[in-house]
Structures are given as structure tokens and as C-alpha cells.
PDB file of all heavy atoms in Angstrom:
ATOM      1  N   GLU A   1      -9.518  16.397  27.466  1.00  0.00           N
ATOM      2  CA  GLU A   1     -10.261  17.082  28.517  1.00  0.00           C
ATOM      3  C   GLU A   1     -11.683  17.310  28.175  1.00  0.00           C
ATOM      4  O   GLU A   1     -12.555  17.213  29.052  1.00  0.00           O
ATOM      5  CB  GLU A   1      -9.531  18.427  28.898  1.00  0.00           C
ATOM      6  CG  GLU A   1     -10.116  19.127  30.106  1.00  0.00           C
ATOM      7  CD  GLU A   1      -9.371  20.331  30.538  1.00  0.00           C
ATOM      8  OE1 GLU A   1      -8.091  20.406  30.203  1.00  0.00           O
ATOM      9  OE2 GLU A   1      -9.924  21.195  31.201  1.00  0.00           O
ATOM     10  N   TYR A   2     -11.907  17.615  26.918  1.00  0.00           N
ATOM     11  CA  TYR A   2     -13.304  17.804  26.533  1.00  0.00           C
ATOM     12  C   TYR A   2     -13.752  16.891  25.420  1.00  0.00           C
ATOM     13  O   TYR A   2     -14.098  17.344  24.275  1.00  0.00           O
ATOM     14  CB  TYR A   2     -13.475  19.278  25.991  1.00  0.00           C
ATOM     15  CG  TYR A   2     -13.067  20.328  27.036  1.00  0.00           C
ATOM     16  CD1 TYR A   2     -11.899  21.086  26.922  1.00  0.00           C
ATOM     17  CD2 TYR A   2     -13.837  20.545  28.282  1.00  0.00           C
ATOM     18  CE1 TYR A   2     -11.500  21.974  27.932  1.00  0.00           C
ATOM     19  CE2 TYR A   2     -13.423  21.487  29.158  1.00  0.00           C
ATOM     20  CZ  TYR A   2     -12.249  22.137  29.020  1.00  0.00           C
ATOM     21  OH  TYR A   2     -11.911  23.097  29.964  1.00  0.00           O
ATOM     22  N   GLY A   3     -13.690  15.622  25.621  1.00  0.00           N
ATOM     23  CA  GLY A   3     -14.201  14.695  24.661  1.00  0.00           C
ATOM     24  C   GLY A   3     -13.309  13.495  24.348  1.00  0.00           C
ATOM     25  O   GLY A   3     -12.181  13.405  24.863  1.00  0.00           O
ATOM     26  N   ILE A   4     -13.810  12.562  23.626  1.00  0.00           N
ATOM     27  CA  ILE A   4     -13.131  11.248  23.292  1.00  0.00           C
ATOM     28  C   ILE A   4     -13.109  11.188  21.770  1.00  0.00           C
ATOM     29  O   ILE A   4     -14.097  11.455  21.082  1.00  0.00           O
ATOM     30  CB  ILE A   4     -13.796  10.100  23.926  1.00  0.00           C
ATOM     31  CG1 ILE A   4     -13.731  10.126  25.422  1.00  0.00           C
ATOM     32  CG2 ILE A   4     -13.218   8.814  23.420  1.00  0.00           C
ATOM     33  CD1 ILE A   4     -14.519   9.090  26.162  1.00  0.00           C
ATOM     34  N   GLU A   5     -11.973  10.709  21.272  1.00  0.00           N
ATOM     35  CA  GLU A   5     -11.793  10.452  19.846  1.00  0.00           C
ATOM     36  C   GLU A   5     -11.393   9.058  19.641  1.00  0.00           C
ATOM     37  O   GLU A   5     -10.420   8.575  20.339  1.00  0.00           O
ATOM     38  CB  GLU A   5     -10.845  11.395  19.260  1.00  0.00           C
ATOM     39  CG  GLU A   5     -10.760  11.376  17.692  1.00  0.00           C
ATOM     40  CD  GLU A   5     -12.052  11.947  17.034  1.00  0.00           C
ATOM     41  OE1 GLU A   5     -12.756  12.797  17.762  1.00  0.00           O
ATOM     42  OE2 GLU A   5     -12.357  11.555  15.918  1.00  0.00           O
ATOM     43  N   ASN A   6     -11.990   8.299  18.656  1.00  0.00           N
ATOM     44  CA  ASN A   6     -11.614   6.931  18.349  1.00  0.00           C
ATOM     45  C   ASN A   6     -11.050   7.001  16.887  1.00  0.00           C
ATOM     46  O   ASN A   6     -11.567   7.630  16.049  1.00  0.00           O
ATOM     47  CB  ASN A   6     -12.846   6.062  18.338  1.00  0.00           C
ATOM     48  CG  ASN A   6     -13.385   5.814  19.809  1.00  0.00           C
ATOM     49  OD1 ASN A   6     -12.734   5.162  20.555  1.00  0.00           O
ATOM     50  ND2 ASN A   6     -14.553   6.378  20.064  1.00  0.00           N
ATOM     51  N   SER A   7      -9.975   6.317  16.726  1.00  0.00           N
ATOM     52  CA  SER A   7      -9.251   6.323  15.495  1.00  0.00           C
ATOM     53  C   SER A   7      -8.801   4.907  15.059  1.00  0.00           C
ATOM     54  O   SER A   7      -8.308   4.137  15.933  1.00  0.00           O
ATOM     55  CB  SER A   7      -7.957   7.224  15.546  1.00  0.00           C
ATOM     56  OG  SER A   7      -7.231   7.122  14.342  1.00  0.00           O
ATOM     57  N   GLN A   8      -9.009   4.564  13.866  1.00  0.00           N
ATOM     58  CA  GLN A   8      -8.575   3.271  13.328  1.00  0.00           C
ATOM     59  C   GLN A   8      -7.994   3.499  11.915  1.00  0.00           C
ATOM     60  O   GLN A   8      -8.643   4.165  11.071  1.00  0.00           O
ATOM     61  CB  GLN A   8      -9.606   2.239  13.218  1.00  0.00           C
ATOM     62  CG  GLN A   8      -9.123   0.842  12.753  1.00  0.00           C
ATOM     63  CD  GLN A   8     -10.084  -0.284  12.972  1.00  0.00           C
ATOM     64  OE1 GLN A   8     -11.298  -0.051  13.057  1.00  0.00           O
ATOM     65  NE2 GLN A   8      -9.582  -1.545  13.087  1.00  0.00           N
ATOM     66  N   VAL A   9      -6.817   2.906  11.609  1.00  0.00           N
ATOM     67  CA  VAL A   9      -6.203   3.056  10.366  1.00  0.00           C
ATOM     68  C   VAL A   9      -5.775   1.641   9.862  1.00  0.00           C
ATOM     69  O   VAL A   9      -5.047   0.917  10.551  1.00  0.00           O
ATOM     70  CB  VAL A   9      -4.950   3.980  10.442  1.00  0.00           C
ATOM     71  CG1 VAL A   9      -4.307   4.065   9.050  1.00  0.00           C
ATOM     72  CG2 VAL A   9      -5.315   5.305  10.981  1.00  0.00           C
ATOM     73  N   ILE A  10      -6.204   1.329   8.695  1.00  0.00           N
ATOM     74  CA  ILE A  10      -5.852  -0.007   8.003  1.00  0.00           C
ATOM     75  C   ILE A  10      -5.204   0.310   6.719  1.00  0.00           C
ATOM     76  O   ILE A  10      -5.703   1.021   5.934  1.00  0.00           O
ATOM     77  CB  ILE A  10      -7.096  -0.912   7.835  1.00  0.00           C
ATOM     78  CG1 ILE A  10      -7.787  -1.267   9.158  1.00  0.00           C
ATOM     79  CG2 ILE A  10      -6.729  -2.182   7.086  1.00  0.00           C
ATOM     80  CD1 ILE A  10      -9.028  -1.986   8.987  1.00  0.00           C
ATOM     81  N   GLN A  11      -3.995  -0.291   6.529  1.00  0.00           N
ATOM     82  CA  GLN A  11      -3.255  -0.197   5.242  1.00  0.00           C
ATOM     83  C   GLN A  11      -2.918  -1.603   4.826  1.00  0.00           C
ATOM     84  O   GLN A  11      -2.523  -2.481   5.588  1.00  0.00           O
ATOM     85  CB  GLN A  11      -2.007   0.571   5.442  1.00  0.00           C
ATOM     86  CG  GLN A  11      -2.195   1.990   6.004  1.00  0.00           C
ATOM     87  CD  GLN A  11      -0.897   2.632   6.305  1.00  0.00           C
ATOM     88  OE1 GLN A  11      -0.092   2.989   5.456  1.00  0.00           O
ATOM     89  NE2 GLN A  11      -0.660   2.875   7.631  1.00  0.00           N
ATOM     90  N   LYS A  12      -3.024  -1.825   3.498  1.00  0.00           N
ATOM     91  CA  LYS A  12      -2.608  -3.119   3.008  1.00  0.00           C
ATOM     92  C   LYS A  12      -2.141  -2.944   1.538  1.00  0.00           C
ATOM     93  O   LYS A  12      -2.537  -1.932   0.872  1.00  0.00           O
ATOM     94  CB  LYS A  12      -3.756  -4.115   3.040  1.00  0.00           C
ATOM     95  CG  LYS A  12      -5.039  -3.726   2.431  1.00  0.00           C
ATOM     96  CD  LYS A  12      -6.137  -4.786   2.729  1.00  0.00           C
ATOM     97  CE  LYS A  12      -7.506  -4.332   2.177  1.00  0.00           C
ATOM     98  NZ  LYS A  12      -8.533  -5.354   2.512  1.00  0.00           N
ATOM     99  N   GLY A  13      -1.189  -3.771   1.121  1.00  0.00           N
ATOM    100  CA  GLY A  13      -0.690  -3.675  -0.202  1.00  0.00           C
ATOM    101  C   GLY A  13       0.028  -4.995  -0.655  1.00  0.00           C
ATOM    102  O   GLY A  13       0.403  -5.792   0.161  1.00  0.00           O
ATOM    103  N   VAL A  14       0.077  -5.128  -1.939  1.00  0.00           N
ATOM    104  CA  VAL A  14       0.810  -6.251  -2.567  1.00  0.00           C
ATOM    105  C   VAL A  14       1.678  -5.693  -3.700  1.00  0.00           C
ATOM    106  O   VAL A  14       1.400  -4.674  -4.295  1.00  0.00           O
ATOM    107  CB  VAL A  14      -0.129  -7.323  -3.065  1.00  0.00           C
ATOM    108  CG1 VAL A  14      -0.901  -8.005  -1.967  1.00  0.00           C
ATOM    109  CG2 VAL A  14      -1.058  -6.799  -4.150  1.00  0.00           C
ATOM    110  N   TYR A  15       2.794  -6.332  -3.933  1.00  0.00           N
ATOM    111  CA  TYR A  15       3.652  -5.964  -5.064  1.00  0.00           C
ATOM    112  C   TYR A  15       4.290  -7.202  -5.626  1.00  0.00           C
ATOM    113  O   TYR A  15       4.524  -8.212  -4.985  1.00  0.00           O
ATOM    114  CB  TYR A  15       4.725  -4.968  -4.614  1.00  0.00           C
ATOM    115  CG  TYR A  15       5.624  -5.272  -3.472  1.00  0.00           C
ATOM    116  CD1 TYR A  15       6.734  -6.102  -3.688  1.00  0.00           C
ATOM    117  CD2 TYR A  15       5.296  -4.820  -2.234  1.00  0.00           C
ATOM    118  CE1 TYR A  15       7.527  -6.374  -2.554  1.00  0.00           C
ATOM    119  CE2 TYR A  15       6.106  -5.131  -1.116  1.00  0.00           C
ATOM    120  CZ  TYR A  15       7.197  -5.932  -1.325  1.00  0.00           C
ATOM    121  OH  TYR A  15       8.039  -6.257  -0.253  1.00  0.00           O
ATOM    122  N   CYS A  16       4.563  -7.134  -6.908  1.00  0.00           N
ATOM    123  CA  CYS A  16       5.169  -8.307  -7.620  1.00  0.00           C
ATOM    124  C   CYS A  16       6.152  -7.807  -8.682  1.00  0.00           C
ATOM    125  O   CYS A  16       5.810  -6.857  -9.427  1.00  0.00           O
ATOM    126  CB  CYS A  16       4.068  -9.088  -8.251  1.00  0.00           C
ATOM    127  SG  CYS A  16       4.583 -10.475  -9.221  1.00  0.00           S
ATOM    128  N   ALA A  17       7.343  -8.353  -8.748  1.00  0.00           N
ATOM    129  CA  ALA A  17       8.319  -8.018  -9.754  1.00  0.00           C
ATOM    130  C   ALA A  17       8.664  -9.276 -10.552  1.00  0.00           C
ATOM    131  O   ALA A  17       8.854 -10.326  -9.961  1.00  0.00           O
ATOM    132  CB  ALA A  17       9.537  -7.418  -9.040  1.00  0.00           C
ATOM    133  N   ARG A  18       8.833  -9.072 -11.824  1.00  0.00           N
ATOM    134  CA  ARG A  18       9.241 -10.137 -12.766  1.00  0.00           C
ATOM    135  C   ARG A  18      10.212  -9.601 -13.765  1.00  0.00           C
ATOM    136  O   ARG A  18      10.023  -8.469 -14.271  1.00  0.00           O
ATOM    137  CB  ARG A  18       8.042 -10.687 -13.587  1.00  0.00           C
ATOM    138  CG  ARG A  18       6.832 -11.165 -12.717  1.00  0.00           C
ATOM    139  CD  ARG A  18       7.063 -12.635 -12.246  1.00  0.00           C
ATOM    140  NE  ARG A  18       5.877 -13.180 -11.642  1.00  0.00           N
ATOM    141  CZ  ARG A  18       5.581 -13.055 -10.372  1.00  0.00           C
ATOM    142  NH1 ARG A  18       6.308 -12.269  -9.576  1.00  0.00           N
ATOM    143  NH2 ARG A  18       4.522 -13.620  -9.850  1.00  0.00           N
ATOM    144  N   GLN A  19      11.263 -10.382 -14.026  1.00  0.00           N
ATOM    145  CA  GLN A  19      12.218  -9.918 -15.088  1.00  0.00           C
ATOM    146  C   GLN A  19      12.739 -11.090 -15.853  1.00  0.00           C
ATOM    147  O   GLN A  19      12.847 -12.242 -15.309  1.00  0.00           O
ATOM    148  CB  GLN A  19      13.406  -9.217 -14.347  1.00  0.00           C
ATOM    149  CG  GLN A  19      13.074  -7.849 -13.776  1.00  0.00           C
ATOM    150  CD  GLN A  19      14.286  -7.218 -13.203  1.00  0.00           C
ATOM    151  OE1 GLN A  19      15.462  -7.599 -13.461  1.00  0.00           O
ATOM    152  NE2 GLN A  19      14.085  -6.165 -12.435  1.00  0.00           N
ATOM    153  N   LYS A  20      13.043 -10.861 -17.180  1.00  0.00           N
ATOM    154  CA  LYS A  20      13.841 -11.797 -17.978  1.00  0.00           C
ATOM    155  C   LYS A  20      15.078 -11.045 -18.415  1.00  0.00           C
ATOM    156  O   LYS A  20      14.957  -9.928 -18.865  1.00  0.00           O
ATOM    157  CB  LYS A  20      12.985 -12.225 -19.181  1.00  0.00           C
ATOM    158  CG  LYS A  20      11.762 -12.963 -18.845  1.00  0.00           C
ATOM    159  CD  LYS A  20      10.952 -13.328 -20.089  1.00  0.00           C
ATOM    160  CE  LYS A  20       9.714 -14.107 -19.788  1.00  0.00           C
ATOM    161  NZ  LYS A  20       8.858 -14.396 -21.024  1.00  0.00           N
ATOM    162  N   LEU A  21      16.254 -11.669 -18.232  1.00  0.00           N
ATOM    163  CA  LEU A  21      17.479 -11.000 -18.471  1.00  0.00           C
ATOM    164  C   LEU A  21      18.421 -11.806 -19.380  1.00  0.00           C
ATOM    165  O   LEU A  21      18.466 -13.056 -19.202  1.00  0.00           O
ATOM    166  CB  LEU A  21      18.230 -10.783 -17.160  1.00  0.00           C
ATOM    167  CG  LEU A  21      17.484 -10.039 -15.997  1.00  0.00           C
ATOM    168  CD1 LEU A  21      18.178 -10.248 -14.684  1.00  0.00           C
ATOM    169  CD2 LEU A  21      17.439  -8.563 -16.348  1.00  0.00           C
ATOM    170  N   SER A  22      19.109 -11.083 -20.193  1.00  0.00           N
ATOM    171  CA  SER A  22      20.233 -11.716 -20.978  1.00  0.00           C
ATOM    172  C   SER A  22      21.261 -10.650 -21.147  1.00  0.00           C
ATOM    173  O   SER A  22      21.119  -9.557 -20.664  1.00  0.00           O
ATOM    174  CB  SER A  22      19.779 -12.274 -22.288  1.00  0.00           C
ATOM    175  OG  SER A  22      19.661 -11.300 -23.282  1.00  0.00           O
ATOM    176  N   SER A  23      22.266 -10.892 -21.945  1.00  0.00           N
ATOM    177  CA  SER A  23      23.346  -9.966 -22.130  1.00  0.00           C
ATOM    178  C   SER A  23      22.910  -8.841 -23.002  1.00  0.00           C
ATOM    179  O   SER A  23      23.533  -7.762 -23.027  1.00  0.00           O
ATOM    180  CB  SER A  23      24.539 -10.643 -22.809  1.00  0.00           C
ATOM    181  OG  SER A  23      24.152 -11.224 -24.035  1.00  0.00           O
ATOM    182  N   ILE A  24      21.795  -8.898 -23.788  1.00  0.00           N
ATOM    183  CA  ILE A  24      21.400  -7.831 -24.679  1.00  0.00           C
ATOM    184  C   ILE A  24      19.922  -7.541 -24.591  1.00  0.00           C
ATOM    185  O   ILE A  24      19.395  -6.720 -25.362  1.00  0.00           O
ATOM    186  CB  ILE A  24      21.705  -8.165 -26.168  1.00  0.00           C
ATOM    187  CG1 ILE A  24      20.992  -9.444 -26.544  1.00  0.00           C
ATOM    188  CG2 ILE A  24      23.245  -8.289 -26.359  1.00  0.00           C
ATOM    189  CD1 ILE A  24      21.130  -9.736 -28.062  1.00  0.00           C
ATOM    190  N   TYR A  25      19.196  -8.150 -23.581  1.00  0.00           N
ATOM    191  CA  TYR A  25      17.794  -7.900 -23.552  1.00  0.00           C
ATOM    192  C   TYR A  25      17.306  -7.946 -22.123  1.00  0.00           C
ATOM    193  O   TYR A  25      17.802  -8.712 -21.251  1.00  0.00           O
ATOM    194  CB  TYR A  25      17.060  -9.044 -24.349  1.00  0.00           C
ATOM    195  CG  TYR A  25      15.573  -9.094 -24.170  1.00  0.00           C
ATOM    196  CD1 TYR A  25      14.746  -8.140 -24.804  1.00  0.00           C
ATOM    197  CD2 TYR A  25      14.872  -9.984 -23.326  1.00  0.00           C
ATOM    198  CE1 TYR A  25      13.314  -8.184 -24.661  1.00  0.00           C
ATOM    199  CE2 TYR A  25      13.522 -10.021 -23.203  1.00  0.00           C
ATOM    200  CZ  TYR A  25      12.735  -9.081 -23.843  1.00  0.00           C
ATOM    201  OH  TYR A  25      11.421  -9.064 -23.649  1.00  0.00           O
ATOM    202  N   GLU A  26      16.302  -7.119 -21.804  1.00  0.00           N
ATOM    203  CA  GLU A  26      15.634  -7.235 -20.490  1.00  0.00           C
ATOM    204  C   GLU A  26      14.188  -6.882 -20.628  1.00  0.00           C
ATOM    205  O   GLU A  26      13.827  -5.988 -21.380  1.00  0.00           O
ATOM    206  CB  GLU A  26      16.312  -6.172 -19.534  1.00  0.00           C
ATOM    207  CG  GLU A  26      15.522  -6.229 -18.162  1.00  0.00           C
ATOM    208  CD  GLU A  26      16.231  -5.505 -16.996  1.00  0.00           C
ATOM    209  OE1 GLU A  26      17.286  -4.920 -17.286  1.00  0.00           O
ATOM    210  OE2 GLU A  26      15.680  -5.471 -15.900  1.00  0.00           O
ATOM    211  N   GLN A  27      13.390  -7.768 -19.929  1.00  0.00           N
ATOM    212  CA  GLN A  27      11.951  -7.437 -19.742  1.00  0.00           C
ATOM    213  C   GLN A  27      11.794  -7.264 -18.264  1.00  0.00           C
ATOM    214  O   GLN A  27      12.195  -8.070 -17.462  1.00  0.00           O
ATOM    215  CB  GLN A  27      11.065  -8.550 -20.258  1.00  0.00           C
ATOM    216  CG  GLN A  27       9.569  -8.229 -19.993  1.00  0.00           C
ATOM    217  CD  GLN A  27       8.720  -9.433 -20.311  1.00  0.00           C
ATOM    218  OE1 GLN A  27       8.755 -10.471 -19.543  1.00  0.00           O
ATOM    219  NE2 GLN A  27       7.873  -9.338 -21.270  1.00  0.00           N
ATOM    220  N   ALA A  28      11.176  -6.108 -17.872  1.00  0.00           N
ATOM    221  CA  ALA A  28      11.004  -5.884 -16.434  1.00  0.00           C
ATOM    222  C   ALA A  28       9.543  -5.507 -16.162  1.00  0.00           C
ATOM    223  O   ALA A  28       8.964  -4.644 -16.948  1.00  0.00           O
ATOM    224  CB  ALA A  28      11.886  -4.732 -15.956  1.00  0.00           C
ATOM    225  N   ILE A  29       8.878  -6.169 -15.246  1.00  0.00           N
ATOM    226  CA  ILE A  29       7.486  -5.907 -14.883  1.00  0.00           C
ATOM    227  C   ILE A  29       7.463  -5.692 -13.399  1.00  0.00           C
ATOM    228  O   ILE A  29       8.043  -6.413 -12.607  1.00  0.00           O
ATOM    229  CB  ILE A  29       6.620  -7.077 -15.257  1.00  0.00           C
ATOM    230  CG1 ILE A  29       6.664  -7.378 -16.778  1.00  0.00           C
ATOM    231  CG2 ILE A  29       5.171  -6.878 -14.820  1.00  0.00           C
ATOM    232  CD1 ILE A  29       5.951  -8.661 -17.199  1.00  0.00           C
ATOM    233  N   LEU A  30       6.804  -4.607 -13.004  1.00  0.00           N
ATOM    234  CA  LEU A  30       6.504  -4.322 -11.566  1.00  0.00           C
ATOM    235  C   LEU A  30       5.132  -3.884 -11.440  1.00  0.00           C
ATOM    236  O   LEU A  30       4.669  -3.020 -12.177  1.00  0.00           O
ATOM    237  CB  LEU A  30       7.530  -3.352 -10.964  1.00  0.00           C
ATOM    238  CG  LEU A  30       7.314  -2.904  -9.539  1.00  0.00           C
ATOM    239  CD1 LEU A  30       7.570  -4.099  -8.636  1.00  0.00           C
ATOM    240  CD2 LEU A  30       8.214  -1.715  -9.151  1.00  0.00           C
ATOM    241  N   ASP A  31       4.421  -4.430 -10.418  1.00  0.00           N
ATOM    242  CA  ASP A  31       3.065  -4.019 -10.162  1.00  0.00           C
ATOM    243  C   ASP A  31       2.968  -3.810  -8.590  1.00  0.00           C
ATOM    244  O   ASP A  31       3.201  -4.703  -7.857  1.00  0.00           O
ATOM    245  CB  ASP A  31       2.082  -5.054 -10.625  1.00  0.00           C
ATOM    246  CG  ASP A  31       0.655  -4.638 -10.685  1.00  0.00           C
ATOM    247  OD1 ASP A  31       0.444  -3.360 -10.774  1.00  0.00           O
ATOM    248  OD2 ASP A  31      -0.285  -5.411 -10.627  1.00  0.00           O
ATOM    249  N   GLU A  32       2.456  -2.551  -8.274  1.00  0.00           N
ATOM    250  CA  GLU A  32       2.278  -2.226  -6.860  1.00  0.00           C
ATOM    251  C   GLU A  32       0.830  -1.806  -6.665  1.00  0.00           C
ATOM    252  O   GLU A  32       0.360  -0.912  -7.331  1.00  0.00           O
ATOM    253  CB  GLU A  32       3.166  -1.084  -6.484  1.00  0.00           C
ATOM    254  CG  GLU A  32       4.671  -1.314  -6.663  1.00  0.00           C
ATOM    255  CD  GLU A  32       5.514  -0.036  -6.528  1.00  0.00           C
ATOM    256  OE1 GLU A  32       5.422   0.852  -7.411  1.00  0.00           O
ATOM    257  OE2 GLU A  32       6.223   0.107  -5.552  1.00  0.00           O
ATOM    258  N   LYS A  33       0.116  -2.485  -5.759  1.00  0.00           N
ATOM    259  CA  LYS A  33      -1.268  -2.175  -5.466  1.00  0.00           C
ATOM    260  C   LYS A  33      -1.381  -2.005  -3.968  1.00  0.00           C
ATOM    261  O   LYS A  33      -0.888  -2.855  -3.203  1.00  0.00           O
ATOM    262  CB  LYS A  33      -2.231  -3.296  -5.942  1.00  0.00           C
ATOM    263  CG  LYS A  33      -2.254  -3.531  -7.457  1.00  0.00           C
ATOM    264  CD  LYS A  33      -3.201  -4.663  -7.810  1.00  0.00           C
ATOM    265  CE  LYS A  33      -3.221  -4.889  -9.349  1.00  0.00           C
ATOM    266  NZ  LYS A  33      -4.092  -6.075  -9.714  1.00  0.00           N
ATOM    267  N   PHE A  34      -2.060  -0.938  -3.548  1.00  0.00           N
ATOM    268  CA  PHE A  34      -2.125  -0.696  -2.118  1.00  0.00           C
ATOM    269  C   PHE A  34      -3.312   0.264  -1.790  1.00  0.00           C
ATOM    270  O   PHE A  34      -3.812   0.946  -2.710  1.00  0.00           O
ATOM    271  CB  PHE A  34      -0.856  -0.032  -1.621  1.00  0.00           C
ATOM    272  CG  PHE A  34      -0.359   1.199  -2.343  1.00  0.00           C
ATOM    273  CD1 PHE A  34      -0.613   2.434  -1.828  1.00  0.00           C
ATOM    274  CD2 PHE A  34       0.316   1.078  -3.516  1.00  0.00           C
ATOM    275  CE1 PHE A  34      -0.238   3.612  -2.432  1.00  0.00           C
ATOM    276  CE2 PHE A  34       0.771   2.230  -4.212  1.00  0.00           C
ATOM    277  CZ  PHE A  34       0.416   3.471  -3.683  1.00  0.00           C
ATOM    278  N   ASN A  35      -3.802   0.143  -0.573  1.00  0.00           N
ATOM    279  CA  ASN A  35      -4.885   1.056  -0.149  1.00  0.00           C
ATOM    280  C   ASN A  35      -4.806   1.344   1.365  1.00  0.00           C
ATOM    281  O   ASN A  35      -3.998   0.702   2.079  1.00  0.00           O
ATOM    282  CB  ASN A  35      -6.234   0.498  -0.491  1.00  0.00           C
ATOM    283  CG  ASN A  35      -6.485  -0.936   0.101  1.00  0.00           C
ATOM    284  OD1 ASN A  35      -6.504  -1.015   1.345  1.00  0.00           O
ATOM    285  ND2 ASN A  35      -6.564  -1.910  -0.722  1.00  0.00           N
ATOM    286  N   GLU A  36      -5.493   2.390   1.742  1.00  0.00           N
ATOM    287  CA  GLU A  36      -5.503   2.809   3.075  1.00  0.00           C
ATOM    288  C   GLU A  36      -6.954   3.272   3.426  1.00  0.00           C
ATOM    289  O   GLU A  36      -7.543   3.888   2.595  1.00  0.00           O
ATOM    290  CB  GLU A  36      -4.505   3.974   3.392  1.00  0.00           C
ATOM    291  CG  GLU A  36      -4.614   4.572   4.793  1.00  0.00           C
ATOM    292  CD  GLU A  36      -3.702   5.728   5.004  1.00  0.00           C
ATOM    293  OE1 GLU A  36      -2.930   6.079   3.974  1.00  0.00           O
ATOM    294  OE2 GLU A  36      -3.683   6.280   6.056  1.00  0.00           O
ATOM    295  N   LYS A  37      -7.402   3.039   4.594  1.00  0.00           N
ATOM    296  CA  LYS A  37      -8.634   3.517   5.139  1.00  0.00           C
ATOM    297  C   LYS A  37      -8.511   3.883   6.577  1.00  0.00           C
ATOM    298  O   LYS A  37      -8.192   3.054   7.408  1.00  0.00           O
ATOM    299  CB  LYS A  37      -9.807   2.465   4.988  1.00  0.00           C
ATOM    300  CG  LYS A  37     -11.155   3.033   5.341  1.00  0.00           C
ATOM    301  CD  LYS A  37     -12.338   2.063   5.137  1.00  0.00           C
ATOM    302  CE  LYS A  37     -13.599   2.719   5.485  1.00  0.00           C
ATOM    303  NZ  LYS A  37     -14.757   1.819   5.239  1.00  0.00           N
ATOM    304  N   ALA A  38      -8.685   5.210   6.800  1.00  0.00           N
ATOM    305  CA  ALA A  38      -8.562   5.753   8.148  1.00  0.00           C
ATOM    306  C   ALA A  38      -9.928   6.362   8.486  1.00  0.00           C
ATOM    307  O   ALA A  38     -10.500   7.125   7.745  1.00  0.00           O
ATOM    308  CB  ALA A  38      -7.458   6.794   8.173  1.00  0.00           C
ATOM    309  N   VAL A  39     -10.330   6.104   9.745  1.00  0.00           N
ATOM    310  CA  VAL A  39     -11.661   6.624  10.210  1.00  0.00           C
ATOM    311  C   VAL A  39     -11.415   7.144  11.597  1.00  0.00           C
ATOM    312  O   VAL A  39     -10.940   6.474  12.522  1.00  0.00           O
ATOM    313  CB  VAL A  39     -12.763   5.528  10.261  1.00  0.00           C
ATOM    314  CG1 VAL A  39     -14.032   6.093  10.782  1.00  0.00           C
ATOM    315  CG2 VAL A  39     -12.918   4.984   8.816  1.00  0.00           C
ATOM    316  N   GLU A  40     -11.845   8.443  11.772  1.00  0.00           N
ATOM    317  CA  GLU A  40     -11.821   9.053  13.128  1.00  0.00           C
ATOM    318  C   GLU A  40     -13.220   9.496  13.473  1.00  0.00           C
ATOM    319  O   GLU A  40     -13.963  10.088  12.602  1.00  0.00           O
ATOM    320  CB  GLU A  40     -10.957  10.323  13.127  1.00  0.00           C
ATOM    321  CG  GLU A  40      -9.442   9.994  13.521  1.00  0.00           C
ATOM    322  CD  GLU A  40      -8.534   9.787  12.265  1.00  0.00           C
ATOM    323  OE1 GLU A  40      -8.626  10.630  11.356  1.00  0.00           O
ATOM    324  OE2 GLU A  40      -7.907   8.734  12.212  1.00  0.00           O
ATOM    325  N   SER A  41     -13.672   9.236  14.761  1.00  0.00           N
ATOM    326  CA  SER A  41     -15.040   9.642  15.151  1.00  0.00           C
ATOM    327  C   SER A  41     -15.048   9.961  16.626  1.00  0.00           C
ATOM    328  O   SER A  41     -14.226   9.472  17.378  1.00  0.00           O
ATOM    329  CB  SER A  41     -16.002   8.431  14.902  1.00  0.00           C
ATOM    330  OG  SER A  41     -15.652   7.348  15.641  1.00  0.00           O
ATOM    331  N   GLY A  42     -15.921  10.890  16.917  1.00  0.00           N
ATOM    332  CA  GLY A  42     -16.058  11.358  18.348  1.00  0.00           C
ATOM    333  C   GLY A  42     -16.149  12.879  18.321  1.00  0.00           C
ATOM    334  O   GLY A  42     -17.173  13.430  17.875  1.00  0.00           O
ATOM    335  N   MET A  43     -15.129  13.537  18.873  1.00  0.00           N
ATOM    336  CA  MET A  43     -15.129  15.031  18.879  1.00  0.00           C
ATOM    337  C   MET A  43     -15.253  15.612  17.473  1.00  0.00           C
ATOM    338  O   MET A  43     -15.799  16.662  17.257  1.00  0.00           O
ATOM    339  CB  MET A  43     -13.817  15.527  19.563  1.00  0.00           C
ATOM    340  CG  MET A  43     -13.656  15.091  21.016  1.00  0.00           C
ATOM    341  SD  MET A  43     -12.207  15.927  21.704  1.00  0.00           S
ATOM    342  CE  MET A  43     -10.901  15.505  20.480  1.00  0.00           C
TER     343      MET A  43
END
């Protein structure tokens, strides 16, 4: 009623998992990278 607001939100991410497995050994690697940018303007 008293103004206008503009909003935009961008999120992105990547992830990667690697493993080596046997009956007595495991190597496990996980990498998660992500970001977010939100901008509101107006009122």
C-alpha cells in the first residue's frame, strides 16, 4: 500500500563424493561448496 519492494535470491552449489572400499579399508571424500546472494531494494 505504501511502496514497492524488489527481491532477488540466487543460490548455487556443487558437491562431490569419492570412496574406495574393501572388506577392511575405506577412504571417503566429500566436498560441498555453495553460496547464496539475496538482494532486497525499495522500501
